[in-house]
Amino acid sequence: MPRIGLQELLVILAIIVVLFGATKLPALGRGLGEAIKNFKKGVKEGQGGGEEKDEKKKEE
């Protein structure tokens, strides 16, 4: 599978700017960042990380 080079990334970025507009890009980035953060949190809790937090709360 071919790799995506710098020129291809610039073309993709230009298309995104045209589609969404420069003013909406920060909001889209923020939303994407929050989604990734919540996904990682959910995965961590699913692997048992959430149980430790619950036990700590019960002890207090």
N, C-alpha and C. Protein backbone atom coordinates (compact mmCIF):
# COMPACT_ATOMS: atom_id res chain seq x y z
N MET A 1 0.85 -1.17 0.00
CA MET A 1 0.00 0.00 0.00
C MET A 1 0.90 1.24 0.00
N PRO A 2 0.61 2.18 -0.88
CA PRO A 2 1.46 3.38 -0.96
C PRO A 2 1.29 4.28 0.26
N ARG A 3 2.36 4.95 0.60
CA ARG A 3 2.34 5.87 1.73
C ARG A 3 1.84 7.24 1.28
N ILE A 4 1.29 7.97 2.21
CA ILE A 4 0.82 9.32 1.92
C ILE A 4 1.97 10.29 2.17
N GLY A 5 2.32 11.05 1.16
CA GLY A 5 3.42 11.99 1.27
C GLY A 5 2.95 13.37 1.68
N LEU A 6 3.90 14.29 1.72
CA LEU A 6 3.61 15.66 2.13
C LEU A 6 2.64 16.34 1.17
N GLN A 7 2.82 16.14 -0.11
CA GLN A 7 1.94 16.78 -1.10
C GLN A 7 0.50 16.30 -0.96
N GLU A 8 0.33 15.01 -0.73
CA GLU A 8 -1.01 14.47 -0.57
C GLU A 8 -1.67 15.02 0.69
N LEU A 9 -0.89 15.13 1.78
CA LEU A 9 -1.43 15.69 3.02
C LEU A 9 -1.86 17.13 2.84
N LEU A 10 -1.08 17.90 2.09
CA LEU A 10 -1.43 19.30 1.84
C LEU A 10 -2.71 19.40 1.02
N VAL A 11 -2.88 18.52 0.05
CA VAL A 11 -4.10 18.53 -0.75
C VAL A 11 -5.30 18.17 0.12
N ILE A 12 -5.16 17.16 0.97
CA ILE A 12 -6.25 16.77 1.88
C ILE A 12 -6.59 17.92 2.82
N LEU A 13 -5.58 18.58 3.37
CA LEU A 13 -5.82 19.71 4.27
C LEU A 13 -6.53 20.84 3.54
N ALA A 14 -6.15 21.12 2.31
CA ALA A 14 -6.80 22.17 1.53
C ALA A 14 -8.26 21.84 1.28
N ILE A 15 -8.55 20.59 0.98
CA ILE A 15 -9.94 20.17 0.77
C ILE A 15 -10.76 20.32 2.05
N ILE A 16 -10.17 19.97 3.17
CA ILE A 16 -10.87 20.10 4.46
C ILE A 16 -11.17 21.57 4.75
N VAL A 17 -10.20 22.44 4.50
CA VAL A 17 -10.41 23.88 4.74
C VAL A 17 -11.52 24.41 3.84
N VAL A 18 -11.56 23.97 2.60
CA VAL A 18 -12.59 24.43 1.67
C VAL A 18 -13.97 23.92 2.11
N LEU A 19 -14.04 22.67 2.53
CA LEU A 19 -15.33 22.09 2.92
C LEU A 19 -15.89 22.69 4.20
N PHE A 20 -15.06 22.81 5.22
CA PHE A 20 -15.54 23.21 6.53
C PHE A 20 -15.31 24.69 6.84
N GLY A 21 -14.40 25.31 6.18
CA GLY A 21 -14.09 26.71 6.46
C GLY A 21 -13.10 26.83 7.60
N ALA A 22 -12.29 27.86 7.56
CA ALA A 22 -11.23 28.03 8.54
C ALA A 22 -11.77 28.32 9.93
N THR A 23 -12.97 28.89 10.03
CA THR A 23 -13.51 29.24 11.35
C THR A 23 -14.01 28.02 12.11
N LYS A 24 -14.42 26.97 11.43
CA LYS A 24 -14.95 25.78 12.10
C LYS A 24 -13.87 24.76 12.43
N LEU A 25 -12.68 24.91 11.88
CA LEU A 25 -11.63 23.92 12.11
C LEU A 25 -11.23 23.78 13.58
N PRO A 26 -11.08 24.85 14.36
CA PRO A 26 -10.74 24.66 15.78
C PRO A 26 -11.80 23.87 16.55
N ALA A 27 -13.06 24.12 16.24
CA ALA A 27 -14.14 23.39 16.90
C ALA A 27 -14.11 21.92 16.51
N LEU A 28 -13.82 21.64 15.24
CA LEU A 28 -13.73 20.25 14.80
C LEU A 28 -12.56 19.54 15.47
N GLY A 29 -11.43 20.23 15.57
CA GLY A 29 -10.26 19.65 16.24
C GLY A 29 -10.51 19.39 17.70
N ARG A 30 -11.18 20.32 18.36
CA ARG A 30 -11.50 20.17 19.78
C ARG A 30 -12.44 18.98 19.98
N GLY A 31 -13.44 18.87 19.13
CA GLY A 31 -14.37 17.76 19.22
C GLY A 31 -13.70 16.42 18.98
N LEU A 32 -12.80 16.39 18.01
CA LEU A 32 -12.06 15.16 17.73
C LEU A 32 -11.16 14.79 18.90
N GLY A 33 -10.51 15.78 19.50
CA GLY A 33 -9.65 15.53 20.66
C GLY A 33 -10.44 14.98 21.83
N GLU A 34 -11.62 15.54 22.09
CA GLU A 34 -12.46 15.05 23.18
C GLU A 34 -12.94 13.64 22.91
N ALA A 35 -13.26 13.34 21.66
CA ALA A 35 -13.71 12.00 21.30
C ALA A 35 -12.60 10.98 21.53
N ILE A 36 -11.38 11.31 21.15
CA ILE A 36 -10.26 10.41 21.35
C ILE A 36 -10.00 10.22 22.84
N LYS A 37 -10.08 11.31 23.60
CA LYS A 37 -9.87 11.24 25.05
C LYS A 37 -10.91 10.33 25.71
N ASN A 38 -12.17 10.50 25.33
CA ASN A 38 -13.23 9.66 25.90
C ASN A 38 -13.08 8.21 25.47
N PHE A 39 -12.64 7.98 24.24
CA PHE A 39 -12.43 6.61 23.77
C PHE A 39 -11.33 5.93 24.57
N LYS A 40 -10.22 6.63 24.78
CA LYS A 40 -9.12 6.06 25.56
C LYS A 40 -9.56 5.78 26.99
N LYS A 41 -10.36 6.69 27.56
CA LYS A 41 -10.87 6.50 28.92
C LYS A 41 -11.76 5.26 28.98
N GLY A 42 -12.61 5.09 27.99
CA GLY A 42 -13.49 3.93 27.95
C GLY A 42 -12.72 2.63 27.79
N VAL A 43 -11.70 2.64 26.97
CA VAL A 43 -10.88 1.44 26.78
C VAL A 43 -10.16 1.10 28.08
N LYS A 44 -9.64 2.11 28.74
CA LYS A 44 -8.93 1.89 30.00
C LYS A 44 -9.87 1.32 31.06
N GLU A 45 -11.08 1.85 31.14
CA GLU A 45 -12.05 1.35 32.11
C GLU A 45 -12.48 -0.07 31.76
N GLY A 46 -12.55 -0.37 30.47
CA GLY A 46 -12.93 -1.71 30.04
C GLY A 46 -11.87 -2.74 30.36
N GLN A 47 -10.62 -2.32 30.49
CA GLN A 47 -9.53 -3.24 30.79
C GLN A 47 -9.32 -3.42 32.28
N GLY A 48 -10.15 -2.82 33.09
CA GLY A 48 -10.01 -2.98 34.53
C GLY A 48 -9.52 -1.75 35.23
N GLY A 49 -9.19 -0.70 34.51
CA GLY A 49 -8.73 0.52 35.13
C GLY A 49 -9.83 1.21 35.92
N GLY A 50 -11.07 1.02 35.51
CA GLY A 50 -12.19 1.63 36.20
C GLY A 50 -12.48 0.98 37.54
N GLU A 51 -12.18 -0.32 37.67
CA GLU A 51 -12.44 -1.04 38.92
C GLU A 51 -11.57 -0.50 40.04
N GLU A 52 -10.34 -0.14 39.73
CA GLU A 52 -9.44 0.39 40.76
C GLU A 52 -9.96 1.71 41.29
N LYS A 53 -10.49 2.54 40.43
CA LYS A 53 -11.03 3.82 40.87
C LYS A 53 -12.24 3.61 41.76
N ASP A 54 -13.09 2.63 41.41
CA ASP A 54 -14.26 2.35 42.23
C ASP A 54 -13.88 1.86 43.60
N GLU A 55 -12.84 1.03 43.67
CA GLU A 55 -12.38 0.52 44.96
C GLU A 55 -11.84 1.63 45.83
N LYS A 56 -11.12 2.58 45.24
CA LYS A 56 -10.57 3.71 45.99
C LYS A 56 -11.69 4.57 46.56
N LYS A 57 -12.76 4.76 45.77
CA LYS A 57 -13.87 5.56 46.24
C LYS A 57 -14.60 4.88 47.40
N LYS A 58 -14.71 3.55 47.34
CA LYS A 58 -15.39 2.79 48.39
C LYS A 58 -14.62 2.87 49.71
N GLU A 59 -13.28 2.88 49.63
CA GLU A 59 -12.46 2.92 50.81
C GLU A 59 -12.60 4.25 51.56
N GLU A 60 -12.85 5.32 50.82
CA GLU A 60 -12.95 6.65 51.43
C GLU A 60 -14.25 6.84 52.08
